[in-house]
Amino acid sequence: MALLSASTFNYFKDDLQDHGIIESLIEIIKDTATPGSLYIRELAFNILSNVCEDCRNNQKALRRYKGIEVVRDNITLKQVDQSGNCTTFTVAVLDCLSKSIYGNKRSEAHFLDIEGL
């Protein structure tokens, strides 16, 4: 929760990317096998949204670490996980899509190339 709060400040955006946080968050989101991980994955999407908002370097890092594919794969939740709210998870994914992909021409093109829509 502290990282979620810190990610809202512009001051931390570059620092978080420099320390590999984007790659770590993507790995957390990919971990669908751990029971009860939906809430943690939702928080990871919220942090990604915050650090990518209005920050081209972080948007580029998200693209580089295959985060756009992760967003695409999570747009439609295929299984119900009792650890969190599926509705708020979907909103977090769409928020991440809005703040980290839309508005960045390269990310938008890549999203369309991988059949994100």
PDB file of N, CA and C in Angstrom:
ATOM      1  N   MET A   1       0.828  -1.194   0.000  1.00  0.00           N
ATOM      2  CA  MET A   1       0.000   0.000   0.000  1.00  0.00           C
ATOM      3  C   MET A   1       0.873   1.258   0.000  1.00  0.00           C
ATOM      4  N   ALA A   2       2.036   1.167   0.656  1.00  0.00           N
ATOM      5  CA  ALA A   2       2.948   2.314   0.654  1.00  0.00           C
ATOM      6  C   ALA A   2       3.462   2.586  -0.755  1.00  0.00           C
ATOM      7  N   LEU A   3       3.757   1.527  -1.484  1.00  0.00           N
ATOM      8  CA  LEU A   3       4.222   1.689  -2.857  1.00  0.00           C
ATOM      9  C   LEU A   3       3.113   2.265  -3.741  1.00  0.00           C
ATOM     10  N   LEU A   4       1.890   1.859  -3.507  1.00  0.00           N
ATOM     11  CA  LEU A   4       0.760   2.415  -4.249  1.00  0.00           C
ATOM     12  C   LEU A   4       0.645   3.915  -3.993  1.00  0.00           C
ATOM     13  N   SER A   5       0.772   4.326  -2.756  1.00  0.00           N
ATOM     14  CA  SER A   5       0.717   5.752  -2.429  1.00  0.00           C
ATOM     15  C   SER A   5       1.885   6.512  -3.036  1.00  0.00           C
ATOM     16  N   ALA A   6       3.084   5.951  -2.953  1.00  0.00           N
ATOM     17  CA  ALA A   6       4.274   6.611  -3.501  1.00  0.00           C
ATOM     18  C   ALA A   6       4.198   6.745  -5.016  1.00  0.00           C
ATOM     19  N   SER A   7       3.541   5.794  -5.661  1.00  0.00           N
ATOM     20  CA  SER A   7       3.483   5.806  -7.122  1.00  0.00           C
ATOM     21  C   SER A   7       2.633   6.948  -7.677  1.00  0.00           C
ATOM     22  N   THR A   8       1.880   7.620  -6.836  1.00  0.00           N
ATOM     23  CA  THR A   8       1.055   8.732  -7.306  1.00  0.00           C
ATOM     24  C   THR A   8       1.850  10.030  -7.434  1.00  0.00           C
ATOM     25  N   PHE A   9       3.041  10.086  -6.849  1.00  0.00           N
ATOM     26  CA  PHE A   9       3.862  11.298  -6.897  1.00  0.00           C
ATOM     27  C   PHE A   9       4.817  11.247  -8.081  1.00  0.00           C
ATOM     28  N   ASN A  10       4.855  12.335  -8.858  1.00  0.00           N
ATOM     29  CA  ASN A  10       5.746  12.398 -10.012  1.00  0.00           C
ATOM     30  C   ASN A  10       7.207  12.204  -9.628  1.00  0.00           C
ATOM     31  N   TYR A  11       7.568  12.635  -8.454  1.00  0.00           N
ATOM     32  CA  TYR A  11       8.945  12.529  -7.983  1.00  0.00           C
ATOM     33  C   TYR A  11       9.454  11.082  -8.014  1.00  0.00           C
ATOM     34  N   PHE A  12       8.579  10.133  -7.696  1.00  0.00           N
ATOM     35  CA  PHE A  12       8.994   8.741  -7.589  1.00  0.00           C
ATOM     36  C   PHE A  12       8.923   7.965  -8.900  1.00  0.00           C
ATOM     37  N   LYS A  13       8.277   8.492  -9.901  1.00  0.00           N
ATOM     38  CA  LYS A  13       8.049   7.729 -11.126  1.00  0.00           C
ATOM     39  C   LYS A  13       9.339   7.237 -11.763  1.00  0.00           C
ATOM     40  N   ASP A  14      10.309   8.117 -11.944  1.00  0.00           N
ATOM     41  CA  ASP A  14      11.572   7.705 -12.551  1.00  0.00           C
ATOM     42  C   ASP A  14      12.369   6.813 -11.623  1.00  0.00           C
ATOM     43  N   ASP A  15      12.341   7.104 -10.331  1.00  0.00           N
ATOM     44  CA  ASP A  15      13.066   6.272  -9.378  1.00  0.00           C
ATOM     45  C   ASP A  15      12.530   4.848  -9.347  1.00  0.00           C
ATOM     46  N   LEU A  16      11.236   4.695  -9.397  1.00  0.00           N
ATOM     47  CA  LEU A  16      10.645   3.363  -9.356  1.00  0.00           C
ATOM     48  C   LEU A  16      11.033   2.557 -10.584  1.00  0.00           C
ATOM     49  N   GLN A  17      11.069   3.196 -11.748  1.00  0.00           N
ATOM     50  CA  GLN A  17      11.448   2.499 -12.975  1.00  0.00           C
ATOM     51  C   GLN A  17      12.918   2.122 -12.932  1.00  0.00           C
ATOM     52  N   ASP A  18      13.762   2.997 -12.384  1.00  0.00           N
ATOM     53  CA  ASP A  18      15.196   2.723 -12.305  1.00  0.00           C
ATOM     54  C   ASP A  18      15.506   1.526 -11.417  1.00  0.00           C
ATOM     55  N   HIS A  19      14.634   1.234 -10.470  1.00  0.00           N
ATOM     56  CA  HIS A  19      14.876   0.122  -9.547  1.00  0.00           C
ATOM     57  C   HIS A  19      14.194  -1.167  -9.989  1.00  0.00           C
ATOM     58  N   GLY A  20      13.680  -1.195 -11.207  1.00  0.00           N
ATOM     59  CA  GLY A  20      13.101  -2.413 -11.754  1.00  0.00           C
ATOM     60  C   GLY A  20      11.710  -2.745 -11.267  1.00  0.00           C
ATOM     61  N   ILE A  21      11.005  -1.765 -10.772  1.00  0.00           N
ATOM     62  CA  ILE A  21       9.685  -2.038 -10.213  1.00  0.00           C
ATOM     63  C   ILE A  21       8.691  -2.466 -11.283  1.00  0.00           C
ATOM     64  N   ILE A  22       8.804  -1.936 -12.478  1.00  0.00           N
ATOM     65  CA  ILE A  22       7.856  -2.292 -13.536  1.00  0.00           C
ATOM     66  C   ILE A  22       7.977  -3.767 -13.886  1.00  0.00           C
ATOM     67  N   GLU A  23       9.190  -4.234 -14.027  1.00  0.00           N
ATOM     68  CA  GLU A  23       9.398  -5.656 -14.327  1.00  0.00           C
ATOM     69  C   GLU A  23       8.875  -6.536 -13.191  1.00  0.00           C
ATOM     70  N   SER A  24       9.097  -6.125 -11.964  1.00  0.00           N
ATOM     71  CA  SER A  24       8.607  -6.889 -10.811  1.00  0.00           C
ATOM     72  C   SER A  24       7.085  -6.923 -10.761  1.00  0.00           C
ATOM     73  N   LEU A  25       6.447  -5.792 -11.040  1.00  0.00           N
ATOM     74  CA  LEU A  25       4.988  -5.734 -11.042  1.00  0.00           C
ATOM     75  C   LEU A  25       4.397  -6.625 -12.124  1.00  0.00           C
ATOM     76  N   ILE A  26       5.030  -6.649 -13.272  1.00  0.00           N
ATOM     77  CA  ILE A  26       4.560  -7.515 -14.360  1.00  0.00           C
ATOM     78  C   ILE A  26       4.649  -8.976 -13.953  1.00  0.00           C
ATOM     79  N   GLU A  27       5.724  -9.342 -13.275  1.00  0.00           N
ATOM     80  CA  GLU A  27       5.869 -10.726 -12.806  1.00  0.00           C
ATOM     81  C   GLU A  27       4.791 -11.068 -11.775  1.00  0.00           C
ATOM     82  N   ILE A  28       4.458 -10.126 -10.910  1.00  0.00           N
ATOM     83  CA  ILE A  28       3.384 -10.356  -9.927  1.00  0.00           C
ATOM     84  C   ILE A  28       2.055 -10.580 -10.643  1.00  0.00           C
ATOM     85  N   ILE A  29       1.789  -9.778 -11.658  1.00  0.00           N
ATOM     86  CA  ILE A  29       0.529  -9.898 -12.394  1.00  0.00           C
ATOM     87  C   ILE A  29       0.454 -11.223 -13.143  1.00  0.00           C
ATOM     88  N   LYS A  30       1.573 -11.697 -13.643  1.00  0.00           N
ATOM     89  CA  LYS A  30       1.594 -12.962 -14.383  1.00  0.00           C
ATOM     90  C   LYS A  30       1.315 -14.165 -13.492  1.00  0.00           C
ATOM     91  N   ASP A  31       1.520 -14.034 -12.192  1.00  0.00           N
ATOM     92  CA  ASP A  31       1.359 -15.158 -11.266  1.00  0.00           C
ATOM     93  C   ASP A  31      -0.118 -15.405 -10.978  1.00  0.00           C
ATOM     94  N   THR A  32      -0.751 -16.131 -11.875  1.00  0.00           N
ATOM     95  CA  THR A  32      -2.164 -16.446 -11.703  1.00  0.00           C
ATOM     96  C   THR A  32      -2.361 -17.780 -10.982  1.00  0.00           C
ATOM     97  N   ALA A  33      -1.292 -18.524 -10.784  1.00  0.00           N
ATOM     98  CA  ALA A  33      -1.402 -19.858 -10.180  1.00  0.00           C
ATOM     99  C   ALA A  33      -1.537 -19.804  -8.656  1.00  0.00           C
ATOM    100  N   THR A  34      -1.020 -18.759  -8.043  1.00  0.00           N
ATOM    101  CA  THR A  34      -1.073 -18.664  -6.586  1.00  0.00           C
ATOM    102  C   THR A  34      -2.502 -18.384  -6.144  1.00  0.00           C
ATOM    103  N   PRO A  35      -3.056 -19.235  -5.286  1.00  0.00           N
ATOM    104  CA  PRO A  35      -4.416 -18.994  -4.803  1.00  0.00           C
ATOM    105  C   PRO A  35      -4.488 -17.670  -4.031  1.00  0.00           C
ATOM    106  N   GLY A  36      -5.551 -16.936  -4.256  1.00  0.00           N
ATOM    107  CA  GLY A  36      -5.749 -15.694  -3.529  1.00  0.00           C
ATOM    108  C   GLY A  36      -4.928 -14.526  -4.029  1.00  0.00           C
ATOM    109  N   SER A  37      -4.489 -14.578  -5.281  1.00  0.00           N
ATOM    110  CA  SER A  37      -3.599 -13.521  -5.779  1.00  0.00           C
ATOM    111  C   SER A  37      -4.325 -12.389  -6.498  1.00  0.00           C
ATOM    112  N   LEU A  38      -5.623 -12.473  -6.648  1.00  0.00           N
ATOM    113  CA  LEU A  38      -6.344 -11.465  -7.428  1.00  0.00           C
ATOM    114  C   LEU A  38      -6.190 -10.063  -6.843  1.00  0.00           C
ATOM    115  N   TYR A  39      -6.285  -9.912  -5.539  1.00  0.00           N
ATOM    116  CA  TYR A  39      -6.159  -8.596  -4.909  1.00  0.00           C
ATOM    117  C   TYR A  39      -4.753  -8.029  -5.095  1.00  0.00           C
ATOM    118  N   ILE A  40      -3.738  -8.851  -4.936  1.00  0.00           N
ATOM    119  CA  ILE A  40      -2.348  -8.400  -5.120  1.00  0.00           C
ATOM    120  C   ILE A  40      -2.112  -8.005  -6.571  1.00  0.00           C
ATOM    121  N   ARG A  41      -2.653  -8.772  -7.488  1.00  0.00           N
ATOM    122  CA  ARG A  41      -2.518  -8.438  -8.911  1.00  0.00           C
ATOM    123  C   ARG A  41      -3.238  -7.136  -9.230  1.00  0.00           C
ATOM    124  N   GLU A  42      -4.385  -6.900  -8.597  1.00  0.00           N
ATOM    125  CA  GLU A  42      -5.112  -5.648  -8.780  1.00  0.00           C
ATOM    126  C   GLU A  42      -4.273  -4.462  -8.291  1.00  0.00           C
ATOM    127  N   LEU A  43      -3.641  -4.609  -7.136  1.00  0.00           N
ATOM    128  CA  LEU A  43      -2.773  -3.540  -6.625  1.00  0.00           C
ATOM    129  C   LEU A  43      -1.604  -3.293  -7.579  1.00  0.00           C
ATOM    130  N   ALA A  44      -1.045  -4.357  -8.148  1.00  0.00           N
ATOM    131  CA  ALA A  44       0.058  -4.207  -9.096  1.00  0.00           C
ATOM    132  C   ALA A  44      -0.390  -3.426 -10.329  1.00  0.00           C
ATOM    133  N   PHE A  45      -1.594  -3.706 -10.819  1.00  0.00           N
ATOM    134  CA  PHE A  45      -2.121  -2.925 -11.950  1.00  0.00           C
ATOM    135  C   PHE A  45      -2.323  -1.460 -11.560  1.00  0.00           C
ATOM    136  N   ASN A  46      -2.796  -1.208 -10.357  1.00  0.00           N
ATOM    137  CA  ASN A  46      -2.975   0.177  -9.906  1.00  0.00           C
ATOM    138  C   ASN A  46      -1.648   0.919  -9.843  1.00  0.00           C
ATOM    139  N   ILE A  47      -0.615   0.261  -9.357  1.00  0.00           N
ATOM    140  CA  ILE A  47       0.712   0.884  -9.287  1.00  0.00           C
ATOM    141  C   ILE A  47       1.248   1.135 -10.683  1.00  0.00           C
ATOM    142  N   LEU A  48       1.090   0.156 -11.587  1.00  0.00           N
ATOM    143  CA  LEU A  48       1.527   0.353 -12.974  1.00  0.00           C
ATOM    144  C   LEU A  48       0.819   1.548 -13.602  1.00  0.00           C
ATOM    145  N   SER A  49      -0.464   1.671 -13.355  1.00  0.00           N
ATOM    146  CA  SER A  49      -1.215   2.813 -13.892  1.00  0.00           C
ATOM    147  C   SER A  49      -0.618   4.125 -13.415  1.00  0.00           C
ATOM    148  N   ASN A  50      -0.335   4.189 -12.138  1.00  0.00           N
ATOM    149  CA  ASN A  50       0.198   5.425 -11.568  1.00  0.00           C
ATOM    150  C   ASN A  50       1.576   5.769 -12.106  1.00  0.00           C
ATOM    151  N   VAL A  51       2.469   4.798 -12.184  1.00  0.00           N
ATOM    152  CA  VAL A  51       3.838   5.116 -12.613  1.00  0.00           C
ATOM    153  C   VAL A  51       3.929   5.366 -14.109  1.00  0.00           C
ATOM    154  N   CYS A  52       2.970   4.867 -14.894  1.00  0.00           N
ATOM    155  CA  CYS A  52       3.003   5.082 -16.341  1.00  0.00           C
ATOM    156  C   CYS A  52       2.247   6.326 -16.786  1.00  0.00           C
ATOM    157  N   GLU A  53       1.398   6.852 -15.923  1.00  0.00           N
ATOM    158  CA  GLU A  53       0.616   8.024 -16.292  1.00  0.00           C
ATOM    159  C   GLU A  53       1.525   9.218 -16.564  1.00  0.00           C
ATOM    160  N   ASP A  54       1.453   9.732 -17.784  1.00  0.00           N
ATOM    161  CA  ASP A  54       2.240  10.903 -18.206  1.00  0.00           C
ATOM    162  C   ASP A  54       3.737  10.703 -18.055  1.00  0.00           C
ATOM    163  N   CYS A  55       4.228   9.482 -18.209  1.00  0.00           N
ATOM    164  CA  CYS A  55       5.665   9.203 -18.089  1.00  0.00           C
ATOM    165  C   CYS A  55       6.098   8.278 -19.228  1.00  0.00           C
ATOM    166  N   ARG A  56       6.629   8.854 -20.282  1.00  0.00           N
ATOM    167  CA  ARG A  56       7.020   8.091 -21.476  1.00  0.00           C
ATOM    168  C   ARG A  56       8.058   7.012 -21.168  1.00  0.00           C
ATOM    169  N   ASN A  57       9.004   7.297 -20.280  1.00  0.00           N
ATOM    170  CA  ASN A  57      10.034   6.305 -19.960  1.00  0.00           C
ATOM    171  C   ASN A  57       9.424   5.052 -19.339  1.00  0.00           C
ATOM    172  N   ASN A  58       8.463   5.228 -18.459  1.00  0.00           N
ATOM    173  CA  ASN A  58       7.819   4.078 -17.833  1.00  0.00           C
ATOM    174  C   ASN A  58       6.908   3.352 -18.821  1.00  0.00           C
ATOM    175  N   GLN A  59       6.268   4.082 -19.711  1.00  0.00           N
ATOM    176  CA  GLN A  59       5.455   3.446 -20.745  1.00  0.00           C
ATOM    177  C   GLN A  59       6.337   2.607 -21.667  1.00  0.00           C
ATOM    178  N   LYS A  60       7.518   3.124 -21.969  1.00  0.00           N
ATOM    179  CA  LYS A  60       8.465   2.381 -22.802  1.00  0.00           C
ATOM    180  C   LYS A  60       8.941   1.120 -22.075  1.00  0.00           C
ATOM    181  N   ALA A  61       9.214   1.252 -20.785  1.00  0.00           N
ATOM    182  CA  ALA A  61       9.638   0.089 -20.004  1.00  0.00           C
ATOM    183  C   ALA A  61       8.539  -0.969 -19.950  1.00  0.00           C
ATOM    184  N   LEU A  62       7.304  -0.531 -19.800  1.00  0.00           N
ATOM    185  CA  LEU A  62       6.177  -1.469 -19.801  1.00  0.00           C
ATOM    186  C   LEU A  62       6.126  -2.237 -21.113  1.00  0.00           C
ATOM    187  N   ARG A  63       6.316  -1.541 -22.216  1.00  0.00           N
ATOM    188  CA  ARG A  63       6.319  -2.171 -23.537  1.00  0.00           C
ATOM    189  C   ARG A  63       7.506  -3.131 -23.671  1.00  0.00           C
ATOM    190  N   ARG A  64       8.662  -2.718 -23.194  1.00  0.00           N
ATOM    191  CA  ARG A  64       9.880  -3.520 -23.292  1.00  0.00           C
ATOM    192  C   ARG A  64       9.783  -4.836 -22.513  1.00  0.00           C
ATOM    193  N   TYR A  65       9.117  -4.799 -21.362  1.00  0.00           N
ATOM    194  CA  TYR A  65       8.999  -5.995 -20.519  1.00  0.00           C
ATOM    195  C   TYR A  65       7.733  -6.800 -20.813  1.00  0.00           C
ATOM    196  N   LYS A  66       7.149  -6.563 -21.998  1.00  0.00           N
ATOM    197  CA  LYS A  66       5.964  -7.297 -22.447  1.00  0.00           C
ATOM    198  C   LYS A  66       4.748  -7.079 -21.556  1.00  0.00           C
ATOM    199  N   GLY A  67       4.657  -5.889 -20.986  1.00  0.00           N
ATOM    200  CA  GLY A  67       3.528  -5.550 -20.143  1.00  0.00           C
ATOM    201  C   GLY A  67       2.245  -5.319 -20.920  1.00  0.00           C
ATOM    202  N   ILE A  68       2.369  -4.921 -22.172  1.00  0.00           N
ATOM    203  CA  ILE A  68       1.179  -4.706 -22.981  1.00  0.00           C
ATOM    204  C   ILE A  68       0.468  -6.033 -23.220  1.00  0.00           C
ATOM    205  N   GLU A  69       1.242  -7.087 -23.416  1.00  0.00           N
ATOM    206  CA  GLU A  69       0.657  -8.416 -23.570  1.00  0.00           C
ATOM    207  C   GLU A  69      -0.054  -8.849 -22.285  1.00  0.00           C
ATOM    208  N   VAL A  70       0.522  -8.496 -21.154  1.00  0.00           N
ATOM    209  CA  VAL A  70      -0.077  -8.840 -19.867  1.00  0.00           C
ATOM    210  C   VAL A  70      -1.399  -8.106 -19.684  1.00  0.00           C
ATOM    211  N   VAL A  71      -1.447  -6.841 -20.070  1.00  0.00           N
ATOM    212  CA  VAL A  71      -2.691  -6.079 -19.988  1.00  0.00           C
ATOM    213  C   VAL A  71      -3.743  -6.733 -20.879  1.00  0.00           C
ATOM    214  N   ARG A  72      -3.358  -7.048 -22.105  1.00  0.00           N
ATOM    215  CA  ARG A  72      -4.298  -7.684 -23.035  1.00  0.00           C
ATOM    216  C   ARG A  72      -4.849  -8.993 -22.464  1.00  0.00           C
ATOM    217  N   ASP A  73      -3.972  -9.797 -21.885  1.00  0.00           N
ATOM    218  CA  ASP A  73      -4.386 -11.097 -21.354  1.00  0.00           C
ATOM    219  C   ASP A  73      -5.311 -10.984 -20.152  1.00  0.00           C
ATOM    220  N   ASN A  74      -5.267  -9.857 -19.460  1.00  0.00           N
ATOM    221  CA  ASN A  74      -6.078  -9.694 -18.252  1.00  0.00           C
ATOM    222  C   ASN A  74      -7.338  -8.858 -18.458  1.00  0.00           C
ATOM    223  N   ILE A  75      -7.572  -8.389 -19.672  1.00  0.00           N
ATOM    224  CA  ILE A  75      -8.770  -7.585 -19.925  1.00  0.00           C
ATOM    225  C   ILE A  75     -10.024  -8.403 -19.645  1.00  0.00           C
ATOM    226  N   THR A  76     -10.019  -9.635 -20.054  1.00  0.00           N
ATOM    227  CA  THR A  76     -11.152 -10.508 -19.743  1.00  0.00           C
ATOM    228  C   THR A  76     -10.677 -11.552 -18.751  1.00  0.00           C
ATOM    229  N   LEU A  77     -11.186 -11.490 -17.567  1.00  0.00           N
ATOM    230  CA  LEU A  77     -10.820 -12.437 -16.516  1.00  0.00           C
ATOM    231  C   LEU A  77     -11.553 -13.741 -16.780  1.00  0.00           C
ATOM    232  N   LYS A  78     -10.777 -14.810 -16.946  1.00  0.00           N
ATOM    233  CA  LYS A  78     -11.367 -16.086 -17.330  1.00  0.00           C
ATOM    234  C   LYS A  78     -11.776 -16.954 -16.157  1.00  0.00           C
ATOM    235  N   GLN A  79     -11.252 -16.673 -14.998  1.00  0.00           N
ATOM    236  CA  GLN A  79     -11.588 -17.505 -13.848  1.00  0.00           C
ATOM    237  C   GLN A  79     -11.945 -16.628 -12.656  1.00  0.00           C
ATOM    238  N   VAL A  80     -12.779 -17.154 -11.816  1.00  0.00           N
ATOM    239  CA  VAL A  80     -13.196 -16.415 -10.629  1.00  0.00           C
ATOM    240  C   VAL A  80     -12.239 -16.754  -9.497  1.00  0.00           C
ATOM    241  N   ASP A  81     -11.744 -15.739  -8.848  1.00  0.00           N
ATOM    242  CA  ASP A  81     -10.826 -15.899  -7.719  1.00  0.00           C
ATOM    243  C   ASP A  81     -11.508 -15.277  -6.509  1.00  0.00           C
ATOM    244  N   GLN A  82     -11.642 -16.024  -5.459  1.00  0.00           N
ATOM    245  CA  GLN A  82     -12.384 -15.561  -4.293  1.00  0.00           C
ATOM    246  C   GLN A  82     -11.595 -14.579  -3.427  1.00  0.00           C
ATOM    247  N   SER A  83     -10.356 -14.269  -3.796  1.00  0.00           N
ATOM    248  CA  SER A  83      -9.528 -13.405  -2.956  1.00  0.00           C
ATOM    249  C   SER A  83      -9.787 -11.924  -3.171  1.00  0.00           C
ATOM    250  N   GLY A  84     -10.533 -11.592  -4.189  1.00  0.00           N
ATOM    251  CA  GLY A  84     -10.740 -10.180  -4.467  1.00  0.00           C
ATOM    252  C   GLY A  84     -12.013  -9.975  -5.253  1.00  0.00           C
ATOM    253  N   ASN A  85     -12.237  -8.768  -5.646  1.00  0.00           N
ATOM    254  CA  ASN A  85     -13.426  -8.402  -6.375  1.00  0.00           C
ATOM    255  C   ASN A  85     -13.097  -8.377  -7.863  1.00  0.00           C
ATOM    256  N   CYS A  86     -13.740  -9.205  -8.643  1.00  0.00           N
ATOM    257  CA  CYS A  86     -13.460  -9.279 -10.079  1.00  0.00           C
ATOM    258  C   CYS A  86     -13.773  -7.968 -10.789  1.00  0.00           C
ATOM    259  N   THR A  87     -14.769  -7.232 -10.302  1.00  0.00           N
ATOM    260  CA  THR A  87     -15.143  -5.966 -10.922  1.00  0.00           C
ATOM    261  C   THR A  87     -14.049  -4.919 -10.730  1.00  0.00           C
ATOM    262  N   THR A  88     -13.544  -4.785  -9.517  1.00  0.00           N
ATOM    263  CA  THR A  88     -12.488  -3.795  -9.289  1.00  0.00           C
ATOM    264  C   THR A  88     -11.193  -4.209  -9.980  1.00  0.00           C
ATOM    265  N   PHE A  89     -10.963  -5.507 -10.127  1.00  0.00           N
ATOM    266  CA  PHE A  89      -9.787  -5.981 -10.870  1.00  0.00           C
ATOM    267  C   PHE A  89      -9.890  -5.534 -12.327  1.00  0.00           C
ATOM    268  N   THR A  90     -11.055  -5.719 -12.922  1.00  0.00           N
ATOM    269  CA  THR A  90     -11.252  -5.324 -14.316  1.00  0.00           C
ATOM    270  C   THR A  90     -11.095  -3.816 -14.486  1.00  0.00           C
ATOM    271  N   VAL A  91     -11.592  -3.053 -13.543  1.00  0.00           N
ATOM    272  CA  VAL A  91     -11.431  -1.594 -13.590  1.00  0.00           C
ATOM    273  C   VAL A  91      -9.949  -1.225 -13.505  1.00  0.00           C
ATOM    274  N   ALA A  92      -9.191  -1.917 -12.664  1.00  0.00           N
ATOM    275  CA  ALA A  92      -7.753  -1.651 -12.548  1.00  0.00           C
ATOM    276  C   ALA A  92      -7.034  -1.954 -13.859  1.00  0.00           C
ATOM    277  N   VAL A  93      -7.425  -3.038 -14.537  1.00  0.00           N
ATOM    278  CA  VAL A  93      -6.813  -3.379 -15.822  1.00  0.00           C
ATOM    279  C   VAL A  93      -7.142  -2.308 -16.861  1.00  0.00           C
ATOM    280  N   LEU A  94      -8.390  -1.884 -16.912  1.00  0.00           N
ATOM    281  CA  LEU A  94      -8.786  -0.852 -17.873  1.00  0.00           C
ATOM    282  C   LEU A  94      -8.123   0.484 -17.570  1.00  0.00           C
ATOM    283  N   ASP A  95      -7.930   0.799 -16.300  1.00  0.00           N
ATOM    284  CA  ASP A  95      -7.225   2.019 -15.910  1.00  0.00           C
ATOM    285  C   ASP A  95      -5.774   1.956 -16.376  1.00  0.00           C
ATOM    286  N   CYS A  96      -5.172   0.804 -16.218  1.00  0.00           N
ATOM    287  CA  CYS A  96      -3.790   0.622 -16.678  1.00  0.00           C
ATOM    288  C   CYS A  96      -3.720   0.765 -18.198  1.00  0.00           C
ATOM    289  N   LEU A  97      -4.680   0.196 -18.887  1.00  0.00           N
ATOM    290  CA  LEU A  97      -4.753   0.332 -20.340  1.00  0.00           C
ATOM    291  C   LEU A  97      -4.851   1.803 -20.733  1.00  0.00           C
ATOM    292  N   SER A  98      -5.688   2.536 -20.040  1.00  0.00           N
ATOM    293  CA  SER A  98      -5.907   3.944 -20.337  1.00  0.00           C
ATOM    294  C   SER A  98      -4.674   4.805 -20.073  1.00  0.00           C
ATOM    295  N   LYS A  99      -4.005   4.563 -18.963  1.00  0.00           N
ATOM    296  CA  LYS A  99      -2.901   5.431 -18.558  1.00  0.00           C
ATOM    297  C   LYS A  99      -1.540   5.014 -19.103  1.00  0.00           C
ATOM    298  N   SER A 100      -1.385   3.751 -19.468  1.00  0.00           N
ATOM    299  CA  SER A 100      -0.060   3.308 -19.881  1.00  0.00           C
ATOM    300  C   SER A 100       0.056   2.988 -21.365  1.00  0.00           C
ATOM    301  N   ILE A 101      -1.064   2.806 -22.050  1.00  0.00           N
ATOM    302  CA  ILE A 101      -1.007   2.438 -23.466  1.00  0.00           C
ATOM    303  C   ILE A 101      -1.623   3.531 -24.340  1.00  0.00           C
ATOM    304  N   TYR A 102      -2.853   3.941 -24.032  1.00  0.00           N
ATOM    305  CA  TYR A 102      -3.495   4.985 -24.830  1.00  0.00           C
ATOM    306  C   TYR A 102      -2.744   6.303 -24.675  1.00  0.00           C
ATOM    307  N   GLY A 103      -2.571   6.980 -25.798  1.00  0.00           N
ATOM    308  CA  GLY A 103      -1.847   8.241 -25.787  1.00  0.00           C
ATOM    309  C   GLY A 103      -0.384   8.089 -26.149  1.00  0.00           C
ATOM    310  N   ASN A 104       0.115   6.851 -26.180  1.00  0.00           N
ATOM    311  CA  ASN A 104       1.482   6.573 -26.595  1.00  0.00           C
ATOM    312  C   ASN A 104       1.386   5.836 -27.925  1.00  0.00           C
ATOM    313  N   LYS A 105       1.777   6.497 -29.006  1.00  0.00           N
ATOM    314  CA  LYS A 105       1.567   5.943 -30.347  1.00  0.00           C
ATOM    315  C   LYS A 105       2.213   4.569 -30.538  1.00  0.00           C
ATOM    316  N   ARG A 106       3.411   4.382 -30.032  1.00  0.00           N
ATOM    317  CA  ARG A 106       4.069   3.079 -30.177  1.00  0.00           C
ATOM    318  C   ARG A 106       3.345   1.996 -29.395  1.00  0.00           C
ATOM    319  N   SER A 107       2.922   2.321 -28.198  1.00  0.00           N
ATOM    320  CA  SER A 107       2.201   1.349 -27.380  1.00  0.00           C
ATOM    321  C   SER A 107       0.847   1.021 -27.991  1.00  0.00           C
ATOM    322  N   GLU A 108       0.161   2.034 -28.504  1.00  0.00           N
ATOM    323  CA  GLU A 108      -1.123   1.794 -29.159  1.00  0.00           C
ATOM    324  C   GLU A 108      -0.951   0.888 -30.371  1.00  0.00           C
ATOM    325  N   ALA A 109       0.086   1.164 -31.176  1.00  0.00           N
ATOM    326  CA  ALA A 109       0.337   0.347 -32.368  1.00  0.00           C
ATOM    327  C   ALA A 109       0.657  -1.095 -31.967  1.00  0.00           C
ATOM    328  N   HIS A 110       1.462  -1.259 -30.932  1.00  0.00           N
ATOM    329  CA  HIS A 110       1.798  -2.611 -30.474  1.00  0.00           C
ATOM    330  C   HIS A 110       0.557  -3.320 -29.940  1.00  0.00           C
ATOM    331  N   PHE A 111      -0.282  -2.616 -29.214  1.00  0.00           N
ATOM    332  CA  PHE A 111      -1.511  -3.191 -28.678  1.00  0.00           C
ATOM    333  C   PHE A 111      -2.399  -3.685 -29.814  1.00  0.00           C
ATOM    334  N   LEU A 112      -2.507  -2.900 -30.871  1.00  0.00           N
ATOM    335  CA  LEU A 112      -3.296  -3.321 -32.029  1.00  0.00           C
ATOM    336  C   LEU A 112      -2.635  -4.475 -32.768  1.00  0.00           C
ATOM    337  N   ASP A 113      -1.311  -4.465 -32.854  1.00  0.00           N
ATOM    338  CA  ASP A 113      -0.584  -5.554 -33.528  1.00  0.00           C
ATOM    339  C   ASP A 113      -0.780  -6.897 -32.837  1.00  0.00           C
ATOM    340  N   ILE A 114      -0.894  -6.888 -31.521  1.00  0.00           N
ATOM    341  CA  ILE A 114      -1.064  -8.149 -30.800  1.00  0.00           C
ATOM    342  C   ILE A 114      -2.543  -8.482 -30.600  1.00  0.00           C
ATOM    343  N   GLU A 115      -3.385  -7.814 -31.407  1.00  0.00           N
ATOM    344  CA  GLU A 115      -4.825  -8.042 -31.398  1.00  0.00           C
ATOM    345  C   GLU A 115      -5.438  -7.773 -30.029  1.00  0.00           C
ATOM    346  N   GLY A 116      -5.067  -6.620 -29.470  1.00  0.00           N
ATOM    347  CA  GLY A 116      -5.609  -6.228 -28.173  1.00  0.00           C
ATOM    348  C   GLY A 116      -7.057  -5.805 -28.233  1.00  0.00           C
ATOM    349  N   LEU A 117      -7.545  -5.469 -29.418  1.00  0.00           N
ATOM    350  CA  LEU A 117      -8.963  -5.083 -29.547  1.00  0.00           C
ATOM    351  C   LEU A 117      -9.669  -6.068 -30.439  1.00  0.00           C
TER     352      LEU A 117
END
